[in-house]
Amino acid sequence: MATVRGGGSRFLYEPFDVNSARIEVHERIQEERWGQLERRLLHIEVSLDRLEKRIWLAVYGAASLILVDIAYGLLSMSTS
């Protein structure tokens, strides 16, 4: 037979399950930590992409300077 409850909070009539509350809080904390970890990893990935572009720019700049120096040497040898 169903018992009829009066108004008010369900916590007045139902027992409080500490273990499930702890698990629920732990799951929410883990979700928040996971979200923060993903945000940090995305930031690191963006920073690494920027660094990679800068390194390639420096490599291409150095290679172009070497090629210009070689071309200048060849031109100065041919005019002498």
PDB file of N, CA and C in Angstrom:
ATOM      1  N   MET A   1       0.833  -1.158   0.000  1.00  0.00           N
ATOM      2  CA  MET A   1       0.000   0.000   0.000  1.00  0.00           C
ATOM      3  C   MET A   1       0.887   1.233   0.000  1.00  0.00           C
ATOM      4  N   ALA A   2       0.583   2.200  -0.839  1.00  0.00           N
ATOM      5  CA  ALA A   2       1.380   3.413  -0.958  1.00  0.00           C
ATOM      6  C   ALA A   2       1.094   4.333   0.214  1.00  0.00           C
ATOM      7  N   THR A   3       2.150   4.922   0.701  1.00  0.00           N
ATOM      8  CA  THR A   3       1.969   5.873   1.795  1.00  0.00           C
ATOM      9  C   THR A   3       1.813   7.270   1.209  1.00  0.00           C
ATOM     10  N   VAL A   4       0.958   8.020   1.806  1.00  0.00           N
ATOM     11  CA  VAL A   4       0.697   9.375   1.342  1.00  0.00           C
ATOM     12  C   VAL A   4       1.585  10.312   2.137  1.00  0.00           C
ATOM     13  N   ARG A   5       2.334  11.094   1.401  1.00  0.00           N
ATOM     14  CA  ARG A   5       3.232  12.036   2.071  1.00  0.00           C
ATOM     15  C   ARG A   5       2.646  13.429   1.991  1.00  0.00           C
ATOM     16  N   GLY A   6       3.005  14.193   2.936  1.00  0.00           N
ATOM     17  CA  GLY A   6       2.585  15.586   2.920  1.00  0.00           C
ATOM     18  C   GLY A   6       3.549  16.420   2.096  1.00  0.00           C
ATOM     19  N   GLY A   7       3.384  17.691   2.102  1.00  0.00           N
ATOM     20  CA  GLY A   7       4.261  18.583   1.347  1.00  0.00           C
ATOM     21  C   GLY A   7       5.626  18.690   2.002  1.00  0.00           C
ATOM     22  N   GLY A   8       6.492  19.382   1.326  1.00  0.00           N
ATOM     23  CA  GLY A   8       7.823  19.591   1.883  1.00  0.00           C
ATOM     24  C   GLY A   8       8.896  18.925   1.049  1.00  0.00           C
ATOM     25  N   SER A   9      10.057  18.943   1.566  1.00  0.00           N
ATOM     26  CA  SER A   9      11.224  18.428   0.857  1.00  0.00           C
ATOM     27  C   SER A   9      11.226  16.909   0.840  1.00  0.00           C
ATOM     28  N   ARG A  10      11.761  16.361  -0.221  1.00  0.00           N
ATOM     29  CA  ARG A  10      11.860  14.897  -0.296  1.00  0.00           C
ATOM     30  C   ARG A  10      12.877  14.376   0.708  1.00  0.00           C
ATOM     31  N   PHE A  11      13.806  15.243   1.134  1.00  0.00           N
ATOM     32  CA  PHE A  11      14.821  14.830   2.088  1.00  0.00           C
ATOM     33  C   PHE A  11      14.249  14.592   3.482  1.00  0.00           C
ATOM     34  N   LEU A  12      13.049  15.086   3.715  1.00  0.00           N
ATOM     35  CA  LEU A  12      12.419  14.825   5.002  1.00  0.00           C
ATOM     36  C   LEU A  12      11.911  13.390   5.077  1.00  0.00           C
ATOM     37  N   TYR A  13      11.612  12.803   3.909  1.00  0.00           N
ATOM     38  CA  TYR A  13      10.980  11.486   3.897  1.00  0.00           C
ATOM     39  C   TYR A  13      11.898  10.385   3.354  1.00  0.00           C
ATOM     40  N   GLU A  14      12.842  10.743   2.507  1.00  0.00           N
ATOM     41  CA  GLU A  14      13.730   9.738   1.925  1.00  0.00           C
ATOM     42  C   GLU A  14      15.066   9.774   2.652  1.00  0.00           C
ATOM     43  N   PRO A  15      15.666   8.616   2.838  1.00  0.00           N
ATOM     44  CA  PRO A  15      16.978   8.597   3.494  1.00  0.00           C
ATOM     45  C   PRO A  15      18.044   9.215   2.587  1.00  0.00           C
ATOM     46  N   PHE A  16      19.027   9.829   3.197  1.00  0.00           N
ATOM     47  CA  PHE A  16      20.109  10.457   2.440  1.00  0.00           C
ATOM     48  C   PHE A  16      21.202   9.429   2.222  1.00  0.00           C
ATOM     49  N   ASP A  17      21.511   9.164   0.954  1.00  0.00           N
ATOM     50  CA  ASP A  17      22.539   8.190   0.613  1.00  0.00           C
ATOM     51  C   ASP A  17      23.860   8.925   0.415  1.00  0.00           C
ATOM     52  N   VAL A  18      24.733   8.808   1.417  1.00  0.00           N
ATOM     53  CA  VAL A  18      26.003   9.533   1.398  1.00  0.00           C
ATOM     54  C   VAL A  18      26.895   9.046   0.265  1.00  0.00           C
ATOM     55  N   ASN A  19      26.931   7.743   0.048  1.00  0.00           N
ATOM     56  CA  ASN A  19      27.825   7.198  -0.967  1.00  0.00           C
ATOM     57  C   ASN A  19      27.450   7.669  -2.368  1.00  0.00           C
ATOM     58  N   SER A  20      26.190   7.663  -2.686  1.00  0.00           N
ATOM     59  CA  SER A  20      25.801   8.113  -4.024  1.00  0.00           C
ATOM     60  C   SER A  20      26.024   9.616  -4.170  1.00  0.00           C
ATOM     61  N   ALA A  21      25.858  10.367  -3.093  1.00  0.00           N
ATOM     62  CA  ALA A  21      26.127  11.805  -3.146  1.00  0.00           C
ATOM     63  C   ALA A  21      27.614  12.064  -3.388  1.00  0.00           C
ATOM     64  N   ARG A  22      28.469  11.291  -2.732  1.00  0.00           N
ATOM     65  CA  ARG A  22      29.913  11.432  -2.947  1.00  0.00           C
ATOM     66  C   ARG A  22      30.292  11.085  -4.378  1.00  0.00           C
ATOM     67  N   ILE A  23      29.716  10.016  -4.893  1.00  0.00           N
ATOM     68  CA  ILE A  23      30.003   9.608  -6.266  1.00  0.00           C
ATOM     69  C   ILE A  23      29.541  10.686  -7.244  1.00  0.00           C
ATOM     70  N   GLU A  24      28.367  11.235  -7.002  1.00  0.00           N
ATOM     71  CA  GLU A  24      27.825  12.282  -7.864  1.00  0.00           C
ATOM     72  C   GLU A  24      28.723  13.518  -7.854  1.00  0.00           C
ATOM     73  N   VAL A  25      29.171  13.928  -6.683  1.00  0.00           N
ATOM     74  CA  VAL A  25      30.051  15.090  -6.571  1.00  0.00           C
ATOM     75  C   VAL A  25      31.385  14.797  -7.236  1.00  0.00           C
ATOM     76  N   HIS A  26      31.906  13.596  -7.034  1.00  0.00           N
ATOM     77  CA  HIS A  26      33.176  13.204  -7.645  1.00  0.00           C
ATOM     78  C   HIS A  26      33.061  13.229  -9.176  1.00  0.00           C
ATOM     79  N   GLU A  27      31.946  12.757  -9.708  1.00  0.00           N
ATOM     80  CA  GLU A  27      31.751  12.771 -11.161  1.00  0.00           C
ATOM     81  C   GLU A  27      31.706  14.201 -11.695  1.00  0.00           C
ATOM     82  N   ARG A  28      31.038  15.081 -10.981  1.00  0.00           N
ATOM     83  CA  ARG A  28      30.980  16.480 -11.423  1.00  0.00           C
ATOM     84  C   ARG A  28      32.357  17.133 -11.374  1.00  0.00           C
ATOM     85  N   ILE A  29      33.124  16.838 -10.343  1.00  0.00           N
ATOM     86  CA  ILE A  29      34.475  17.385 -10.230  1.00  0.00           C
ATOM     87  C   ILE A  29      35.343  16.861 -11.367  1.00  0.00           C
ATOM     88  N   GLN A  30      35.230  15.556 -11.666  1.00  0.00           N
ATOM     89  CA  GLN A  30      36.015  14.970 -12.747  1.00  0.00           C
ATOM     90  C   GLN A  30      35.634  15.584 -14.095  1.00  0.00           C
ATOM     91  N   GLU A  31      34.363  15.840 -14.326  1.00  0.00           N
ATOM     92  CA  GLU A  31      33.936  16.478 -15.571  1.00  0.00           C
ATOM     93  C   GLU A  31      34.534  17.881 -15.688  1.00  0.00           C
ATOM     94  N   GLU A  32      34.547  18.625 -14.600  1.00  0.00           N
ATOM     95  CA  GLU A  32      35.116  19.968 -14.611  1.00  0.00           C
ATOM     96  C   GLU A  32      36.621  19.918 -14.852  1.00  0.00           C
ATOM     97  N   ARG A  33      37.296  18.995 -14.193  1.00  0.00           N
ATOM     98  CA  ARG A  33      38.736  18.845 -14.402  1.00  0.00           C
ATOM     99  C   ARG A  33      39.042  18.455 -15.841  1.00  0.00           C
ATOM    100  N   TRP A  34      38.247  17.552 -16.403  1.00  0.00           N
ATOM    101  CA  TRP A  34      38.455  17.112 -17.777  1.00  0.00           C
ATOM    102  C   TRP A  34      38.262  18.288 -18.738  1.00  0.00           C
ATOM    103  N   GLY A  35      37.263  19.104 -18.482  1.00  0.00           N
ATOM    104  CA  GLY A  35      37.037  20.280 -19.314  1.00  0.00           C
ATOM    105  C   GLY A  35      38.202  21.255 -19.250  1.00  0.00           C
ATOM    106  N   GLN A  36      38.730  21.480 -18.045  1.00  0.00           N
ATOM    107  CA  GLN A  36      39.883  22.359 -17.884  1.00  0.00           C
ATOM    108  C   GLN A  36      41.116  21.782 -18.571  1.00  0.00           C
ATOM    109  N   LEU A  37      41.293  20.470 -18.480  1.00  0.00           N
ATOM    110  CA  LEU A  37      42.421  19.818 -19.133  1.00  0.00           C
ATOM    111  C   LEU A  37      42.323  19.960 -20.642  1.00  0.00           C
ATOM    112  N   GLU A  38      41.137  19.777 -21.195  1.00  0.00           N
ATOM    113  CA  GLU A  38      40.954  19.944 -22.635  1.00  0.00           C
ATOM    114  C   GLU A  38      41.238  21.380 -23.063  1.00  0.00           C
ATOM    115  N   ARG A  39      40.806  22.357 -22.254  1.00  0.00           N
ATOM    116  CA  ARG A  39      41.055  23.759 -22.564  1.00  0.00           C
ATOM    117  C   ARG A  39      42.552  24.056 -22.542  1.00  0.00           C
ATOM    118  N   ARG A  40      43.257  23.543 -21.551  1.00  0.00           N
ATOM    119  CA  ARG A  40      44.698  23.760 -21.471  1.00  0.00           C
ATOM    120  C   ARG A  40      45.429  23.095 -22.630  1.00  0.00           C
ATOM    121  N   LEU A  41      45.020  21.874 -22.968  1.00  0.00           N
ATOM    122  CA  LEU A  41      45.654  21.182 -24.088  1.00  0.00           C
ATOM    123  C   LEU A  41      45.417  21.914 -25.404  1.00  0.00           C
ATOM    124  N   LEU A  42      44.236  22.476 -25.583  1.00  0.00           N
ATOM    125  CA  LEU A  42      43.952  23.255 -26.785  1.00  0.00           C
ATOM    126  C   LEU A  42      44.849  24.489 -26.837  1.00  0.00           C
ATOM    127  N   HIS A  43      45.038  25.144 -25.698  1.00  0.00           N
ATOM    128  CA  HIS A  43      45.908  26.313 -25.628  1.00  0.00           C
ATOM    129  C   HIS A  43      47.349  25.929 -25.965  1.00  0.00           C
ATOM    130  N   ILE A  44      47.816  24.801 -25.446  1.00  0.00           N
ATOM    131  CA  ILE A  44      49.170  24.329 -25.739  1.00  0.00           C
ATOM    132  C   ILE A  44      49.312  24.002 -27.219  1.00  0.00           C
ATOM    133  N   GLU A  45      48.295  23.367 -27.781  1.00  0.00           N
ATOM    134  CA  GLU A  45      48.335  23.014 -29.201  1.00  0.00           C
ATOM    135  C   GLU A  45      48.409  24.262 -30.080  1.00  0.00           C
ATOM    136  N   VAL A  46      47.628  25.277 -29.749  1.00  0.00           N
ATOM    137  CA  VAL A  46      47.662  26.533 -30.510  1.00  0.00           C
ATOM    138  C   VAL A  46      49.041  27.180 -30.387  1.00  0.00           C
ATOM    139  N   SER A  47      49.604  27.161 -29.190  1.00  0.00           N
ATOM    140  CA  SER A  47      50.930  27.744 -28.980  1.00  0.00           C
ATOM    141  C   SER A  47      51.991  26.991 -29.775  1.00  0.00           C
ATOM    142  N   LEU A  48      51.898  25.673 -29.812  1.00  0.00           N
ATOM    143  CA  LEU A  48      52.854  24.878 -30.583  1.00  0.00           C
ATOM    144  C   LEU A  48      52.721  25.142 -32.081  1.00  0.00           C
ATOM    145  N   ASP A  49      51.505  25.327 -32.564  1.00  0.00           N
ATOM    146  CA  ASP A  49      51.310  25.658 -33.978  1.00  0.00           C
ATOM    147  C   ASP A  49      51.972  26.998 -34.318  1.00  0.00           C
ATOM    148  N   ARG A  50      51.801  27.982 -33.447  1.00  0.00           N
ATOM    149  CA  ARG A  50      52.439  29.282 -33.667  1.00  0.00           C
ATOM    150  C   ARG A  50      53.955  29.153 -33.672  1.00  0.00           C
ATOM    151  N   LEU A  51      54.488  28.388 -32.723  1.00  0.00           N
ATOM    152  CA  LEU A  51      55.932  28.192 -32.641  1.00  0.00           C
ATOM    153  C   LEU A  51      56.452  27.480 -33.883  1.00  0.00           C
ATOM    154  N   GLU A  52      55.715  26.494 -34.361  1.00  0.00           N
ATOM    155  CA  GLU A  52      56.125  25.773 -35.562  1.00  0.00           C
ATOM    156  C   GLU A  52      56.174  26.716 -36.769  1.00  0.00           C
ATOM    157  N   LYS A  53      55.195  27.594 -36.899  1.00  0.00           N
ATOM    158  CA  LYS A  53      55.190  28.555 -38.001  1.00  0.00           C
ATOM    159  C   LYS A  53      56.399  29.483 -37.909  1.00  0.00           C
ATOM    160  N   ARG A  54      56.723  29.936 -36.714  1.00  0.00           N
ATOM    161  CA  ARG A  54      57.881  30.817 -36.533  1.00  0.00           C
ATOM    162  C   ARG A  54      59.179  30.102 -36.876  1.00  0.00           C
ATOM    163  N   ILE A  55      59.292  28.843 -36.466  1.00  0.00           N
ATOM    164  CA  ILE A  55      60.513  28.083 -36.765  1.00  0.00           C
ATOM    165  C   ILE A  55      60.667  27.888 -38.265  1.00  0.00           C
ATOM    166  N   TRP A  56      59.567  27.535 -38.953  1.00  0.00           N
ATOM    167  CA  TRP A  56      59.654  27.350 -40.405  1.00  0.00           C
ATOM    168  C   TRP A  56      59.981  28.662 -41.094  1.00  0.00           C
ATOM    169  N   LEU A  57      59.456  29.763 -40.602  1.00  0.00           N
ATOM    170  CA  LEU A  57      59.780  31.065 -41.174  1.00  0.00           C
ATOM    171  C   LEU A  57      61.274  31.356 -41.023  1.00  0.00           C
ATOM    172  N   ALA A  58      61.840  31.040 -39.874  1.00  0.00           N
ATOM    173  CA  ALA A  58      63.274  31.240 -39.653  1.00  0.00           C
ATOM    174  C   ALA A  58      64.096  30.320 -40.559  1.00  0.00           C
ATOM    175  N   VAL A  59      63.670  29.064 -40.720  1.00  0.00           N
ATOM    176  CA  VAL A  59      64.389  28.127 -41.584  1.00  0.00           C
ATOM    177  C   VAL A  59      64.367  28.615 -43.027  1.00  0.00           C
ATOM    178  N   TYR A  60      63.192  29.027 -43.512  1.00  0.00           N
ATOM    179  CA  TYR A  60      63.097  29.517 -44.890  1.00  0.00           C
ATOM    180  C   TYR A  60      63.894  30.811 -45.069  1.00  0.00           C
ATOM    181  N   GLY A  61      63.895  31.660 -44.067  1.00  0.00           N
ATOM    182  CA  GLY A  61      64.684  32.892 -44.139  1.00  0.00           C
ATOM    183  C   GLY A  61      66.172  32.604 -44.223  1.00  0.00           C
ATOM    184  N   ALA A  62      66.647  31.672 -43.392  1.00  0.00           N
ATOM    185  CA  ALA A  62      68.070  31.309 -43.425  1.00  0.00           C
ATOM    186  C   ALA A  62      68.424  30.663 -44.761  1.00  0.00           C
ATOM    187  N   ALA A  63      67.560  29.781 -45.263  1.00  0.00           N
ATOM    188  CA  ALA A  63      67.823  29.129 -46.553  1.00  0.00           C
ATOM    189  C   ALA A  63      67.858  30.152 -47.674  1.00  0.00           C
ATOM    190  N   SER A  64      66.957  31.124 -47.630  1.00  0.00           N
ATOM    191  CA  SER A  64      66.952  32.135 -48.682  1.00  0.00           C
ATOM    192  C   SER A  64      68.201  33.007 -48.618  1.00  0.00           C
ATOM    193  N   LEU A  65      68.691  33.323 -47.420  1.00  0.00           N
ATOM    194  CA  LEU A  65      69.929  34.089 -47.295  1.00  0.00           C
ATOM    195  C   LEU A  65      71.113  33.315 -47.854  1.00  0.00           C
ATOM    196  N   ILE A  66      71.154  32.028 -47.599  1.00  0.00           N
ATOM    197  CA  ILE A  66      72.243  31.193 -48.128  1.00  0.00           C
ATOM    198  C   ILE A  66      72.176  31.146 -49.648  1.00  0.00           C
ATOM    199  N   LEU A  67      70.977  30.972 -50.203  1.00  0.00           N
ATOM    200  CA  LEU A  67      70.835  30.931 -51.657  1.00  0.00           C
ATOM    201  C   LEU A  67      71.194  32.267 -52.301  1.00  0.00           C
ATOM    202  N   VAL A  68      70.811  33.373 -51.666  1.00  0.00           N
ATOM    203  CA  VAL A  68      71.173  34.690 -52.190  1.00  0.00           C
ATOM    204  C   VAL A  68      72.677  34.874 -52.158  1.00  0.00           C
ATOM    205  N   ASP A  69      73.323  34.438 -51.080  1.00  0.00           N
ATOM    206  CA  ASP A  69      74.779  34.548 -50.976  1.00  0.00           C
ATOM    207  C   ASP A  69      75.461  33.716 -52.060  1.00  0.00           C
ATOM    208  N   ILE A  70      74.970  32.524 -52.321  1.00  0.00           N
ATOM    209  CA  ILE A  70      75.525  31.672 -53.386  1.00  0.00           C
ATOM    210  C   ILE A  70      75.322  32.333 -54.746  1.00  0.00           C
ATOM    211  N   ALA A  71      74.134  32.850 -54.995  1.00  0.00           N
ATOM    212  CA  ALA A  71      73.856  33.505 -56.276  1.00  0.00           C
ATOM    213  C   ALA A  71      74.732  34.734 -56.442  1.00  0.00           C
ATOM    214  N   TYR A  72      74.917  35.504 -55.381  1.00  0.00           N
ATOM    215  CA  TYR A  72      75.778  36.688 -55.450  1.00  0.00           C
ATOM    216  C   TYR A  72      77.223  36.287 -55.742  1.00  0.00           C
ATOM    217  N   GLY A  73      77.689  35.213 -55.136  1.00  0.00           N
ATOM    218  CA  GLY A  73      79.037  34.702 -55.398  1.00  0.00           C
ATOM    219  C   GLY A  73      79.204  34.249 -56.833  1.00  0.00           C
ATOM    220  N   LEU A  74      78.194  33.560 -57.360  1.00  0.00           N
ATOM    221  CA  LEU A  74      78.260  33.111 -58.751  1.00  0.00           C
ATOM    222  C   LEU A  74      78.247  34.293 -59.711  1.00  0.00           C
ATOM    223  N   LEU A  75      77.439  35.301 -59.430  1.00  0.00           N
ATOM    224  CA  LEU A  75      77.386  36.474 -60.293  1.00  0.00           C
ATOM    225  C   LEU A  75      78.683  37.277 -60.241  1.00  0.00           C
ATOM    226  N   SER A  76      79.272  37.380 -59.072  1.00  0.00           N
ATOM    227  CA  SER A  76      80.536  38.131 -58.960  1.00  0.00           C
ATOM    228  C   SER A  76      81.686  37.371 -59.607  1.00  0.00           C
ATOM    229  N   MET A  77      81.640  36.030 -59.641  1.00  0.00           N
ATOM    230  CA  MET A  77      82.681  35.252 -60.307  1.00  0.00           C
ATOM    231  C   MET A  77      82.550  35.365 -61.812  1.00  0.00           C
ATOM    232  N   SER A  78      81.336  35.401 -62.314  1.00  0.00           N
ATOM    233  CA  SER A  78      81.138  35.441 -63.759  1.00  0.00           C
ATOM    234  C   SER A  78      81.460  36.817 -64.338  1.00  0.00           C
ATOM    235  N   THR A  79      81.375  37.866 -63.553  1.00  0.00           N
ATOM    236  CA  THR A  79      81.687  39.206 -64.070  1.00  0.00           C
ATOM    237  C   THR A  79      83.151  39.513 -63.944  1.00  0.00           C
ATOM    238  N   SER A  80      83.923  38.767 -63.186  1.00  0.00           N
ATOM    239  CA  SER A  80      85.334  39.065 -63.012  1.00  0.00           C
ATOM    240  C   SER A  80      86.184  38.625 -64.163  1.00  0.00           C
TER     241      SER A  80
END
